[in-house]
């Protein structure tokens, strides 16, 4: 299953969300993390329904917020069937 992380490399909140996401999916076979740099492809991000970063998209489901905690990300992964 593909997990998309929308972020910018200048965003400290994005770096924290990435760290939590990698820790949660690190040993899960079949999960593929793809990172999208919003500054270089903001039109694609907008088209995908991304309005705020960091944002995690799995299929049509999106989790975004000012600060995504490890528990927020874990619950989202569980709801979407990744964990």
Protein backbone atom coordinates (compact mmCIF):
# COMPACT_ATOMS: atom_id res chain seq x y z
CA UNK A 1 0.00 0.00 0.00
CA UNK A 2 1.29 3.45 -0.88
CA UNK A 3 1.48 6.17 1.77
CA UNK A 4 2.01 9.72 0.51
CA UNK A 5 3.61 12.30 2.80
CA UNK A 6 3.15 15.88 1.64
CA UNK A 7 5.77 18.14 3.17
CA UNK A 8 8.43 20.75 2.63
CA UNK A 9 12.02 20.32 3.62
CA UNK A 10 11.92 23.63 5.53
CA UNK A 11 9.01 22.64 7.79
CA UNK A 12 10.00 21.37 11.26
CA UNK A 13 6.48 20.01 11.84
CA UNK A 14 6.84 17.97 8.64
CA UNK A 15 10.15 16.53 9.85
CA UNK A 16 8.53 15.41 13.12
CA UNK A 17 5.57 13.84 11.29
CA UNK A 18 8.00 12.06 8.94
CA UNK A 19 9.99 10.71 11.88
CA UNK A 20 6.83 9.36 13.55
CA UNK A 21 5.56 7.87 10.29
CA UNK A 22 8.83 6.12 9.53
CA UNK A 23 8.96 4.68 13.05
CA UNK A 24 5.42 3.32 12.75
CA UNK A 25 5.76 1.75 9.30
CA UNK A 26 9.42 0.76 9.52
CA UNK A 27 8.90 -2.98 9.82
CA UNK A 28 5.57 -3.30 7.99
CA UNK A 29 5.93 -5.29 4.78
CA UNK A 30 3.90 -4.03 1.86
CA UNK A 31 3.88 -0.38 2.91
CA UNK A 32 5.63 2.07 0.63
CA UNK A 33 6.30 5.67 1.70
CA UNK A 34 6.44 8.26 -1.04
CA UNK A 35 7.29 11.85 -0.12
CA UNK A 36 5.99 14.80 -2.09
CA UNK A 37 7.70 18.19 -1.86
CA UNK A 38 4.84 20.69 -1.85
CA UNK A 39 6.94 23.72 -2.81
CA UNK A 40 7.91 22.21 -6.13
CA UNK A 41 4.52 20.68 -6.94
CA UNK A 42 1.91 22.72 -5.09
CA UNK A 43 -0.61 22.42 -7.93
CA UNK A 44 -0.50 18.62 -7.68
CA UNK A 45 -0.90 18.83 -3.90
CA UNK A 46 -3.90 21.16 -4.23
CA UNK A 47 -5.44 18.86 -6.83
CA UNK A 48 -4.97 15.94 -4.41
CA UNK A 49 -6.95 17.80 -1.74
CA UNK A 50 -3.98 18.86 0.39
CA UNK A 51 -4.68 22.18 2.12
CA UNK A 52 -2.19 22.03 4.99
CA UNK A 53 1.14 20.37 5.66
CA UNK A 54 2.22 18.04 6.98
CA UNK A 55 -0.34 15.78 5.35
CA UNK A 56 -0.50 12.03 4.96
CA UNK A 57 -2.64 10.55 2.22
CA UNK A 58 -3.61 6.92 1.86
CA UNK A 59 -6.02 6.33 -1.00
CA UNK A 60 -8.68 9.02 -0.63
CA UNK A 61 -8.12 9.47 3.11
CA UNK A 62 -6.07 12.45 4.30
CA UNK A 63 -4.67 13.30 7.71
CA UNK A 64 -3.28 16.80 8.13
CA UNK A 65 -2.83 19.28 10.90
CA UNK A 66 -0.55 21.81 12.50
CA UNK A 67 1.09 19.16 14.65
CA UNK A 68 0.58 15.46 13.98
CA UNK A 69 1.42 13.37 17.01
CA UNK A 70 2.59 9.77 16.87
CA UNK A 71 -0.80 8.69 18.25
CA UNK A 72 -2.67 10.70 15.57
CA UNK A 73 -0.64 9.01 12.86
CA UNK A 74 -1.02 5.55 14.42
CA UNK A 75 -4.82 5.94 14.60
CA UNK A 76 -4.94 7.09 10.98
CA UNK A 77 -2.83 4.13 9.85
CA UNK A 78 -5.10 1.76 11.77
CA UNK A 79 -8.27 3.34 10.32
CA UNK A 80 -6.96 2.96 6.79
CA UNK A 81 -5.89 -0.65 7.34
CA UNK A 82 -2.14 -0.11 7.22
CA UNK A 83 -1.50 -1.32 10.76
